[in-house]
Amino acid sequence: MTSDRLHIIAERVINDARAAVTDLRITEDELHDAAEFFNQLGRADEFADLIDIFLGVTSVVAVRGTPGGTTPNLAGPYYKAGAPFRDSGLLYDQELSSAEVPLVVRGRVTDVATDSPVAGAVLDVWQADGQGIYDEIGYHLRGRVPVADDGSYEYRTVLPEGYQIPAKGPTTTLLEALGQDNWRPAHIHLRVHVGDSTPLQTQFFMAGADYLDSDPVSAVYDDLIVEHRPAGDGPGRELDFDIRISAPQSSTAGRLSDGPKAKAAS
């Protein structure tokens, strides 16, 4: 960040904070209480959690939103680089439990300006399992999925479950004081890579999931709530999630260097 930009941001934040103090008649005692709360956040190493909860999605959408395109969203704390290519579309690295529901996700990746397929794209997908747990050791339910020349893709995973944000100290105290749940609704994360660029990072949500109306990070948008239905060719569920991006126009936009040639999604 340049010093000029830092000055602009600091001036705006300080002026807005002063306006809030004046408009809301915030007392010195209340300011001192706020200062002590921020000290507690720092000691608990939770300040980043609070920023992500209240400001993370706002920042992503403000900086990277494309008019008419799929709404971008924050990565969250569970992304892992280096996920394996899943040319078959199967994201499993472990056997599913009896309580988990298989899920097939299909869709197309198209250019928001032309409606044409974005060939050579790769989806980088990660999610929680049917108990709301992310694999943080390996790459179960994580992977890079190729997009076919017609823009279609398909991968097989499980119906995710929501989970509780793992804040234990002052962040939880604040959420409880505000009457705010700290449970995230069931969702699947993804990034779209085209060549060396990543024109979209987002997450989409399972229709009917708990906490859609009270997501603590305010990440739920109408175009990111996706209906799912009984699978037509076997047990489990299936859904369609079409992705619209502003595709890079560079001549380098193509298959990532370590990936296989795309083939039509089955």
C-alpha atoms as a PDB file:
ATOM      1  CA  MET A   1       0.000   0.000   0.000  1.00  0.00           C
ATOM      2  CA  THR A   2       1.401   3.396  -0.954  1.00  0.00           C
ATOM      3  CA  SER A   3       1.592   6.221   1.571  1.00  0.00           C
ATOM      4  CA  ASP A   4      -0.889   8.250  -0.510  1.00  0.00           C
ATOM      5  CA  ARG A   5      -3.457   5.451  -0.428  1.00  0.00           C
ATOM      6  CA  LEU A   6      -2.853   4.880   3.294  1.00  0.00           C
ATOM      7  CA  HIS A   7      -3.496   8.582   3.906  1.00  0.00           C
ATOM      8  CA  ILE A   8      -6.760   8.488   1.911  1.00  0.00           C
ATOM      9  CA  ILE A   9      -8.039   5.379   3.714  1.00  0.00           C
ATOM     10  CA  ALA A  10      -7.017   6.592   7.179  1.00  0.00           C
ATOM     11  CA  GLU A  11      -8.633   9.995   6.649  1.00  0.00           C
ATOM     12  CA  ARG A  12     -11.906   8.434   5.507  1.00  0.00           C
ATOM     13  CA  VAL A  13     -12.041   5.888   8.349  1.00  0.00           C
ATOM     14  CA  ILE A  14     -11.187   8.464  11.025  1.00  0.00           C
ATOM     15  CA  ASN A  15     -13.688  10.989   9.683  1.00  0.00           C
ATOM     16  CA  ASP A  16     -16.444   8.349   9.526  1.00  0.00           C
ATOM     17  CA  ALA A  17     -15.609   7.189  13.061  1.00  0.00           C
ATOM     18  CA  ARG A  18     -15.737  10.769  14.371  1.00  0.00           C
ATOM     19  CA  ALA A  19     -19.078  11.287  12.633  1.00  0.00           C
ATOM     20  CA  ALA A  20     -20.434   8.144  14.283  1.00  0.00           C
ATOM     21  CA  VAL A  21     -19.250   9.344  17.717  1.00  0.00           C
ATOM     22  CA  THR A  22     -21.010  12.673  17.182  1.00  0.00           C
ATOM     23  CA  ASP A  23     -24.215  11.343  15.600  1.00  0.00           C
ATOM     24  CA  LEU A  24     -24.666   8.536  18.140  1.00  0.00           C
ATOM     25  CA  ARG A  25     -23.508  10.611  21.144  1.00  0.00           C
ATOM     26  CA  ILE A  26     -20.954   7.949  22.064  1.00  0.00           C
ATOM     27  CA  THR A  27     -19.536   8.653  25.517  1.00  0.00           C
ATOM     28  CA  GLU A  28     -15.915   8.563  26.656  1.00  0.00           C
ATOM     29  CA  ASP A  29     -16.695   5.528  28.803  1.00  0.00           C
ATOM     30  CA  GLU A  30     -18.095   3.714  25.763  1.00  0.00           C
ATOM     31  CA  LEU A  31     -14.988   4.599  23.762  1.00  0.00           C
ATOM     32  CA  HIS A  32     -12.781   3.265  26.552  1.00  0.00           C
ATOM     33  CA  ASP A  33     -14.845   0.056  26.630  1.00  0.00           C
ATOM     34  CA  ALA A  34     -14.341  -0.278  22.860  1.00  0.00           C
ATOM     35  CA  ALA A  35     -10.596   0.261  23.216  1.00  0.00           C
ATOM     36  CA  GLU A  36     -10.357  -2.447  25.856  1.00  0.00           C
ATOM     37  CA  PHE A  37     -12.380  -4.799  23.658  1.00  0.00           C
ATOM     38  CA  PHE A  38      -9.905  -4.277  20.795  1.00  0.00           C
ATOM     39  CA  ASN A  39      -7.064  -4.969  23.238  1.00  0.00           C
ATOM     40  CA  GLN A  40      -8.796  -8.249  24.149  1.00  0.00           C
ATOM     41  CA  LEU A  41      -9.133  -9.124  20.457  1.00  0.00           C
ATOM     42  CA  GLY A  42      -5.407  -8.618  19.976  1.00  0.00           C
ATOM     43  CA  ARG A  43      -4.465 -10.707  22.988  1.00  0.00           C
ATOM     44  CA  ALA A  44      -6.783 -13.492  21.782  1.00  0.00           C
ATOM     45  CA  ASP A  45      -5.398 -13.277  18.217  1.00  0.00           C
ATOM     46  CA  GLU A  46      -8.964 -12.785  16.938  1.00  0.00           C
ATOM     47  CA  PHE A  47      -8.806  -9.363  15.309  1.00  0.00           C
ATOM     48  CA  ALA A  48      -8.521 -10.900  11.829  1.00  0.00           C
ATOM     49  CA  ASP A  49     -11.598 -13.038  12.550  1.00  0.00           C
ATOM     50  CA  LEU A  50     -13.632  -9.957  13.398  1.00  0.00           C
ATOM     51  CA  ILE A  51     -12.500  -8.115  10.263  1.00  0.00           C
ATOM     52  CA  ASP A  52     -13.466 -11.123   8.117  1.00  0.00           C
ATOM     53  CA  ILE A  53     -16.847 -11.460   9.821  1.00  0.00           C
ATOM     54  CA  PHE A  54     -17.963  -7.845   9.465  1.00  0.00           C
ATOM     55  CA  LEU A  55     -15.968  -6.486   6.517  1.00  0.00           C
ATOM     56  CA  GLY A  56     -14.495  -9.376   4.505  1.00  0.00           C
ATOM     57  CA  VAL A  57     -17.286  -9.920   1.984  1.00  0.00           C
ATOM     58  CA  THR A  58     -17.953  -6.202   1.629  1.00  0.00           C
ATOM     59  CA  SER A  59     -14.351  -5.678   0.590  1.00  0.00           C
ATOM     60  CA  VAL A  60     -14.337  -8.532  -1.932  1.00  0.00           C
ATOM     61  CA  VAL A  61     -17.549  -7.418  -3.617  1.00  0.00           C
ATOM     62  CA  ALA A  62     -16.563  -3.731  -3.701  1.00  0.00           C
ATOM     63  CA  VAL A  63     -13.171  -4.365  -5.245  1.00  0.00           C
ATOM     64  CA  ARG A  64     -13.837  -7.251  -7.616  1.00  0.00           C
ATOM     65  CA  GLY A  65     -17.514  -7.274  -8.524  1.00  0.00           C
ATOM     66  CA  THR A  66     -18.314  -7.489 -12.256  1.00  0.00           C
ATOM     67  CA  PRO A  67     -21.694  -6.045 -13.345  1.00  0.00           C
ATOM     68  CA  GLY A  68     -23.917  -8.902 -14.500  1.00  0.00           C
ATOM     69  CA  GLY A  69     -21.411 -11.524 -13.385  1.00  0.00           C
ATOM     70  CA  THR A  70     -21.522 -14.059 -10.586  1.00  0.00           C
ATOM     71  CA  THR A  71     -21.156 -12.299  -7.239  1.00  0.00           C
ATOM     72  CA  PRO A  72     -17.644 -12.722  -5.811  1.00  0.00           C
ATOM     73  CA  ASN A  73     -17.122 -13.811  -2.233  1.00  0.00           C
ATOM     74  CA  LEU A  74     -14.377 -14.213   0.342  1.00  0.00           C
ATOM     75  CA  ALA A  75     -12.071 -17.226   0.483  1.00  0.00           C
ATOM     76  CA  GLY A  76     -12.406 -17.830   4.212  1.00  0.00           C
ATOM     77  CA  PRO A  77      -9.707 -19.481   6.324  1.00  0.00           C
ATOM     78  CA  TYR A  78      -9.804 -22.999   4.849  1.00  0.00           C
ATOM     79  CA  TYR A  79      -8.422 -22.572   1.335  1.00  0.00           C
ATOM     80  CA  LYS A  80      -5.334 -24.693   0.535  1.00  0.00           C
ATOM     81  CA  ALA A  81      -3.210 -24.095  -2.540  1.00  0.00           C
ATOM     82  CA  GLY A  82      -1.921 -27.019  -4.577  1.00  0.00           C
ATOM     83  CA  ALA A  83      -5.106 -29.093  -4.711  1.00  0.00           C
ATOM     84  CA  PRO A  84      -4.817 -32.035  -7.123  1.00  0.00           C
ATOM     85  CA  PHE A  85      -6.375 -32.031 -10.578  1.00  0.00           C
ATOM     86  CA  ARG A  86      -9.604 -34.047 -10.571  1.00  0.00           C
ATOM     87  CA  ASP A  87      -9.890 -34.857 -14.260  1.00  0.00           C
ATOM     88  CA  SER A  88     -12.573 -37.442 -13.440  1.00  0.00           C
ATOM     89  CA  GLY A  89     -14.495 -34.869 -11.406  1.00  0.00           C
ATOM     90  CA  LEU A  90     -14.442 -36.988  -8.238  1.00  0.00           C
ATOM     91  CA  LEU A  91     -13.432 -34.951  -5.176  1.00  0.00           C
ATOM     92  CA  TYR A  92     -13.412 -37.855  -2.722  1.00  0.00           C
ATOM     93  CA  ASP A  93     -10.173 -38.983  -1.120  1.00  0.00           C
ATOM     94  CA  GLN A  94     -11.981 -40.878   1.638  1.00  0.00           C
ATOM     95  CA  GLU A  95     -14.974 -43.150   1.970  1.00  0.00           C
ATOM     96  CA  LEU A  96     -18.198 -41.292   2.721  1.00  0.00           C
ATOM     97  CA  SER A  97     -19.887 -41.879   6.051  1.00  0.00           C
ATOM     98  CA  SER A  98     -23.358 -43.388   6.114  1.00  0.00           C
ATOM     99  CA  ALA A  99     -24.751 -39.975   7.119  1.00  0.00           C
ATOM    100  CA  GLU A 100     -23.290 -38.133   4.119  1.00  0.00           C
ATOM    101  CA  VAL A 101     -25.258 -37.459   0.944  1.00  0.00           C
ATOM    102  CA  PRO A 102     -23.488 -37.673  -2.438  1.00  0.00           C
ATOM    103  CA  LEU A 103     -23.827 -34.522  -4.538  1.00  0.00           C
ATOM    104  CA  VAL A 104     -23.221 -33.888  -8.250  1.00  0.00           C
ATOM    105  CA  VAL A 105     -22.550 -30.271  -9.248  1.00  0.00           C
ATOM    106  CA  ARG A 106     -22.910 -29.243 -12.900  1.00  0.00           C
ATOM    107  CA  GLY A 107     -22.875 -25.972 -14.759  1.00  0.00           C
ATOM    108  CA  ARG A 108     -21.267 -23.778 -17.380  1.00  0.00           C
ATOM    109  CA  VAL A 109     -18.631 -21.057 -17.228  1.00  0.00           C
ATOM    110  CA  THR A 110     -19.416 -18.223 -19.643  1.00  0.00           C
ATOM    111  CA  ASP A 111     -18.111 -14.747 -20.431  1.00  0.00           C
ATOM    112  CA  VAL A 112     -20.440 -12.116 -18.985  1.00  0.00           C
ATOM    113  CA  ALA A 113     -19.874  -9.813 -21.982  1.00  0.00           C
ATOM    114  CA  THR A 114     -20.407 -12.326 -24.805  1.00  0.00           C
ATOM    115  CA  ASP A 115     -22.232 -15.309 -23.232  1.00  0.00           C
ATOM    116  CA  SER A 116     -19.648 -17.513 -24.938  1.00  0.00           C
ATOM    117  CA  PRO A 117     -18.015 -20.481 -23.164  1.00  0.00           C
ATOM    118  CA  VAL A 118     -14.777 -19.834 -21.287  1.00  0.00           C
ATOM    119  CA  ALA A 119     -12.757 -22.771 -22.579  1.00  0.00           C
ATOM    120  CA  GLY A 120      -9.569 -23.603 -20.739  1.00  0.00           C
ATOM    121  CA  ALA A 121     -10.917 -22.527 -17.360  1.00  0.00           C
ATOM    122  CA  VAL A 122     -10.276 -24.558 -14.218  1.00  0.00           C
ATOM    123  CA  LEU A 123     -12.439 -24.605 -11.085  1.00  0.00           C
ATOM    124  CA  ASP A 124     -10.541 -24.756  -7.782  1.00  0.00           C
ATOM    125  CA  VAL A 125     -13.111 -26.194  -5.336  1.00  0.00           C
ATOM    126  CA  TRP A 126     -13.055 -26.707  -1.561  1.00  0.00           C
ATOM    127  CA  GLN A 127     -15.760 -27.402   1.010  1.00  0.00           C
ATOM    128  CA  ALA A 128     -16.730 -28.915   4.344  1.00  0.00           C
ATOM    129  CA  ASP A 129     -17.994 -32.486   4.519  1.00  0.00           C
ATOM    130  CA  GLY A 130     -21.394 -33.714   5.687  1.00  0.00           C
ATOM    131  CA  GLN A 131     -20.452 -32.959   9.303  1.00  0.00           C
ATOM    132  CA  GLY A 132     -19.271 -29.414   8.601  1.00  0.00           C
ATOM    133  CA  ILE A 133     -15.553 -30.345   8.785  1.00  0.00           C
ATOM    134  CA  TYR A 134     -12.830 -29.323   6.317  1.00  0.00           C
ATOM    135  CA  ASP A 135      -9.937 -31.654   5.587  1.00  0.00           C
ATOM    136  CA  GLU A 136      -6.973 -29.537   6.695  1.00  0.00           C
ATOM    137  CA  ILE A 137      -4.422 -32.360   6.437  1.00  0.00           C
ATOM    138  CA  GLY A 138      -5.071 -33.732   2.957  1.00  0.00           C
ATOM    139  CA  TYR A 139      -7.225 -32.808  -0.023  1.00  0.00           C
ATOM    140  CA  HIS A 140     -10.476 -34.689   0.591  1.00  0.00           C
ATOM    141  CA  LEU A 141     -13.309 -32.655  -0.987  1.00  0.00           C
ATOM    142  CA  ARG A 142     -10.774 -30.306  -2.563  1.00  0.00           C
ATOM    143  CA  GLY A 143      -9.603 -30.260  -6.150  1.00  0.00           C
ATOM    144  CA  ARG A 144      -9.152 -28.513  -9.461  1.00  0.00           C
ATOM    145  CA  VAL A 145     -11.783 -29.450 -12.032  1.00  0.00           C
ATOM    146  CA  PRO A 146     -11.279 -28.747 -15.772  1.00  0.00           C
ATOM    147  CA  VAL A 147     -13.925 -26.911 -17.758  1.00  0.00           C
ATOM    148  CA  ALA A 148     -14.666 -28.386 -21.201  1.00  0.00           C
ATOM    149  CA  ASP A 149     -14.449 -26.512 -24.485  1.00  0.00           C
ATOM    150  CA  ASP A 150     -18.202 -25.877 -24.440  1.00  0.00           C
ATOM    151  CA  GLY A 151     -17.884 -24.242 -21.016  1.00  0.00           C
ATOM    152  CA  SER A 152     -19.442 -27.153 -19.126  1.00  0.00           C
ATOM    153  CA  TYR A 153     -18.139 -28.775 -15.982  1.00  0.00           C
ATOM    154  CA  GLU A 154     -19.182 -31.514 -13.580  1.00  0.00           C
ATOM    155  CA  TYR A 155     -17.817 -32.785 -10.280  1.00  0.00           C
ATOM    156  CA  ARG A 156     -18.927 -35.245  -7.615  1.00  0.00           C
ATOM    157  CA  THR A 157     -18.740 -34.359  -3.958  1.00  0.00           C
ATOM    158  CA  VAL A 158     -21.001 -34.490  -0.890  1.00  0.00           C
ATOM    159  CA  LEU A 159     -23.796 -32.252   0.340  1.00  0.00           C
ATOM    160  CA  PRO A 160     -21.954 -29.946   2.764  1.00  0.00           C
ATOM    161  CA  GLU A 161     -23.095 -29.094   6.263  1.00  0.00           C
ATOM    162  CA  GLY A 162     -22.819 -25.713   7.966  1.00  0.00           C
ATOM    163  CA  TYR A 163     -20.337 -25.126  10.763  1.00  0.00           C
ATOM    164  CA  GLN A 164     -19.661 -22.866  13.711  1.00  0.00           C
ATOM    165  CA  ILE A 165     -17.033 -20.139  13.350  1.00  0.00           C
ATOM    166  CA  PRO A 166     -14.270 -21.263  15.733  1.00  0.00           C
ATOM    167  CA  ALA A 167     -13.953 -17.983  17.649  1.00  0.00           C
ATOM    168  CA  LYS A 168     -13.745 -18.655  21.394  1.00  0.00           C
ATOM    169  CA  GLY A 169     -13.014 -15.318  23.047  1.00  0.00           C
ATOM    170  CA  PRO A 170     -14.094 -11.704  22.571  1.00  0.00           C
ATOM    171  CA  THR A 171     -15.413 -12.290  19.038  1.00  0.00           C
ATOM    172  CA  THR A 172     -17.964 -14.758  20.401  1.00  0.00           C
ATOM    173  CA  THR A 173     -18.779 -12.364  23.248  1.00  0.00           C
ATOM    174  CA  LEU A 174     -19.549  -9.596  20.746  1.00  0.00           C
ATOM    175  CA  LEU A 175     -21.643 -11.848  18.504  1.00  0.00           C
ATOM    176  CA  GLU A 176     -23.684 -12.986  21.498  1.00  0.00           C
ATOM    177  CA  ALA A 177     -24.191  -9.381  22.633  1.00  0.00           C
ATOM    178  CA  LEU A 178     -25.452  -8.493  19.146  1.00  0.00           C
ATOM    179  CA  GLY A 179     -27.730 -11.535  19.030  1.00  0.00           C
ATOM    180  CA  GLN A 180     -25.761 -12.769  16.008  1.00  0.00           C
ATOM    181  CA  ASP A 181     -25.363 -16.485  15.272  1.00  0.00           C
ATOM    182  CA  ASN A 182     -21.826 -17.703  14.680  1.00  0.00           C
ATOM    183  CA  TRP A 183     -22.967 -20.580  12.467  1.00  0.00           C
ATOM    184  CA  ARG A 184     -22.248 -20.466   8.743  1.00  0.00           C
ATOM    185  CA  PRO A 185     -24.859 -21.938   6.353  1.00  0.00           C
ATOM    186  CA  ALA A 186     -23.846 -24.897   4.181  1.00  0.00           C
ATOM    187  CA  HIS A 187     -21.789 -23.758   1.190  1.00  0.00           C
ATOM    188  CA  ILE A 188     -19.133 -24.690  -1.379  1.00  0.00           C
ATOM    189  CA  HIS A 189     -16.163 -22.464  -2.229  1.00  0.00           C
ATOM    190  CA  LEU A 190     -14.551 -22.122  -5.638  1.00  0.00           C
ATOM    191  CA  ARG A 191     -12.113 -20.076  -7.655  1.00  0.00           C
ATOM    192  CA  VAL A 192     -12.109 -19.856 -11.441  1.00  0.00           C
ATOM    193  CA  HIS A 193      -8.617 -19.869 -12.944  1.00  0.00           C
ATOM    194  CA  VAL A 194      -8.036 -18.974 -16.595  1.00  0.00           C
ATOM    195  CA  GLY A 195      -4.392 -19.271 -17.517  1.00  0.00           C
ATOM    196  CA  ASP A 196      -2.444 -17.343 -14.894  1.00  0.00           C
ATOM    197  CA  SER A 197      -5.423 -15.211 -13.817  1.00  0.00           C
ATOM    198  CA  THR A 198      -8.226 -15.809 -11.326  1.00  0.00           C
ATOM    199  CA  PRO A 199     -11.214 -13.754 -12.522  1.00  0.00           C
ATOM    200  CA  LEU A 200     -13.578 -15.061  -9.831  1.00  0.00           C
ATOM    201  CA  GLN A 201     -13.524 -16.284  -6.259  1.00  0.00           C
ATOM    202  CA  THR A 202     -16.892 -17.070  -4.713  1.00  0.00           C
ATOM    203  CA  GLN A 203     -18.972 -19.503  -2.677  1.00  0.00           C
ATOM    204  CA  PHE A 204     -22.507 -20.745  -3.218  1.00  0.00           C
ATOM    205  CA  PHE A 205     -25.078 -21.870  -0.689  1.00  0.00           C
ATOM    206  CA  MET A 206     -27.469 -24.793  -0.408  1.00  0.00           C
ATOM    207  CA  ALA A 207     -31.100 -23.676  -0.642  1.00  0.00           C
ATOM    208  CA  GLY A 208     -32.996 -24.572   2.518  1.00  0.00           C
ATOM    209  CA  ALA A 209     -29.869 -24.646   4.686  1.00  0.00           C
ATOM    210  CA  ASP A 210     -30.004 -23.333   8.233  1.00  0.00           C
ATOM    211  CA  TYR A 211     -28.662 -19.816   8.926  1.00  0.00           C
ATOM    212  CA  LEU A 212     -29.072 -18.458   5.389  1.00  0.00           C
ATOM    213  CA  ASP A 213     -30.759 -15.403   6.910  1.00  0.00           C
ATOM    214  CA  SER A 214     -28.191 -14.923   9.672  1.00  0.00           C
ATOM    215  CA  ASP A 215     -24.801 -15.724   8.150  1.00  0.00           C
ATOM    216  CA  PRO A 216     -22.327 -13.940  10.452  1.00  0.00           C
ATOM    217  CA  VAL A 217     -20.084 -12.913   7.544  1.00  0.00           C
ATOM    218  CA  SER A 218     -23.049 -11.596   5.485  1.00  0.00           C
ATOM    219  CA  ALA A 219     -21.878 -13.609   2.478  1.00  0.00           C
ATOM    220  CA  VAL A 220     -25.279 -14.869   1.287  1.00  0.00           C
ATOM    221  CA  TYR A 221     -26.540 -13.276  -1.950  1.00  0.00           C
ATOM    222  CA  ASP A 222     -29.632 -14.294  -3.913  1.00  0.00           C
ATOM    223  CA  ASP A 223     -27.666 -15.408  -6.991  1.00  0.00           C
ATOM    224  CA  LEU A 224     -25.481 -17.613  -4.786  1.00  0.00           C
ATOM    225  CA  ILE A 225     -28.341 -19.635  -3.253  1.00  0.00           C
ATOM    226  CA  VAL A 226     -28.718 -22.793  -5.338  1.00  0.00           C
ATOM    227  CA  GLU A 227     -31.582 -25.292  -5.321  1.00  0.00           C
ATOM    228  CA  HIS A 228     -30.664 -28.967  -5.232  1.00  0.00           C
ATOM    229  CA  ARG A 229     -32.822 -31.946  -6.150  1.00  0.00           C
ATOM    230  CA  PRO A 230     -32.746 -35.754  -6.066  1.00  0.00           C
ATOM    231  CA  ALA A 231     -30.130 -37.102  -8.447  1.00  0.00           C
ATOM    232  CA  GLY A 232     -31.578 -38.404 -11.678  1.00  0.00           C
ATOM    233  CA  ASP A 233     -29.086 -41.232 -12.160  1.00  0.00           C
ATOM    234  CA  GLY A 234     -28.511 -42.644  -8.692  1.00  0.00           C
ATOM    235  CA  PRO A 235     -28.631 -41.910  -4.948  1.00  0.00           C
ATOM    236  CA  GLY A 236     -27.934 -38.478  -3.554  1.00  0.00           C
ATOM    237  CA  ARG A 237     -28.579 -34.950  -4.793  1.00  0.00           C
ATOM    238  CA  GLU A 238     -27.620 -32.814  -7.767  1.00  0.00           C
ATOM    239  CA  LEU A 239     -27.583 -29.114  -8.604  1.00  0.00           C
ATOM    240  CA  ASP A 240     -26.704 -26.677 -11.386  1.00  0.00           C
ATOM    241  CA  PHE A 241     -24.505 -23.647 -10.774  1.00  0.00           C
ATOM    242  CA  ASP A 242     -23.738 -21.525 -13.823  1.00  0.00           C
ATOM    243  CA  ILE A 243     -20.818 -19.109 -13.504  1.00  0.00           C
ATOM    244  CA  ARG A 244     -20.528 -15.809 -15.374  1.00  0.00           C
ATOM    245  CA  ILE A 245     -17.153 -14.088 -15.376  1.00  0.00           C
ATOM    246  CA  SER A 246     -15.294 -11.327 -17.137  1.00  0.00           C
ATOM    247  CA  ALA A 247     -12.931 -13.597 -19.025  1.00  0.00           C
ATOM    248  CA  PRO A 248      -9.324 -12.471 -19.507  1.00  0.00           C
ATOM    249  CA  GLN A 249      -8.516 -11.444 -23.078  1.00  0.00           C
ATOM    250  CA  SER A 250      -4.815 -12.281 -22.820  1.00  0.00           C
ATOM    251  CA  SER A 251      -3.277 -14.775 -25.233  1.00  0.00           C
ATOM    252  CA  THR A 252      -1.953 -16.626 -22.182  1.00  0.00           C
ATOM    253  CA  ALA A 253      -5.468 -17.506 -21.039  1.00  0.00           C
ATOM    254  CA  GLY A 254      -5.604 -21.268 -21.289  1.00  0.00           C
ATOM    255  CA  ARG A 255      -4.997 -24.440 -19.387  1.00  0.00           C
ATOM    256  CA  LEU A 256      -2.918 -24.114 -16.261  1.00  0.00           C
ATOM    257  CA  SER A 257       0.587 -25.402 -16.870  1.00  0.00           C
ATOM    258  CA  ASP A 258       0.287 -28.517 -14.727  1.00  0.00           C
ATOM    259  CA  GLY A 259      -3.191 -29.528 -15.802  1.00  0.00           C
ATOM    260  CA  PRO A 260      -4.549 -32.104 -18.247  1.00  0.00           C
ATOM    261  CA  LYS A 261      -6.327 -31.303 -21.477  1.00  0.00           C
ATOM    262  CA  ALA A 262      -9.980 -30.591 -20.829  1.00  0.00           C
ATOM    263  CA  LYS A 263     -12.524 -33.104 -21.997  1.00  0.00           C
ATOM    264  CA  ALA A 264     -16.267 -32.845 -22.204  1.00  0.00           C
ATOM    265  CA  ALA A 265     -18.027 -33.140 -18.879  1.00  0.00           C
ATOM    266  CA  SER A 266     -20.044 -36.307 -18.522  1.00  0.00           C
END
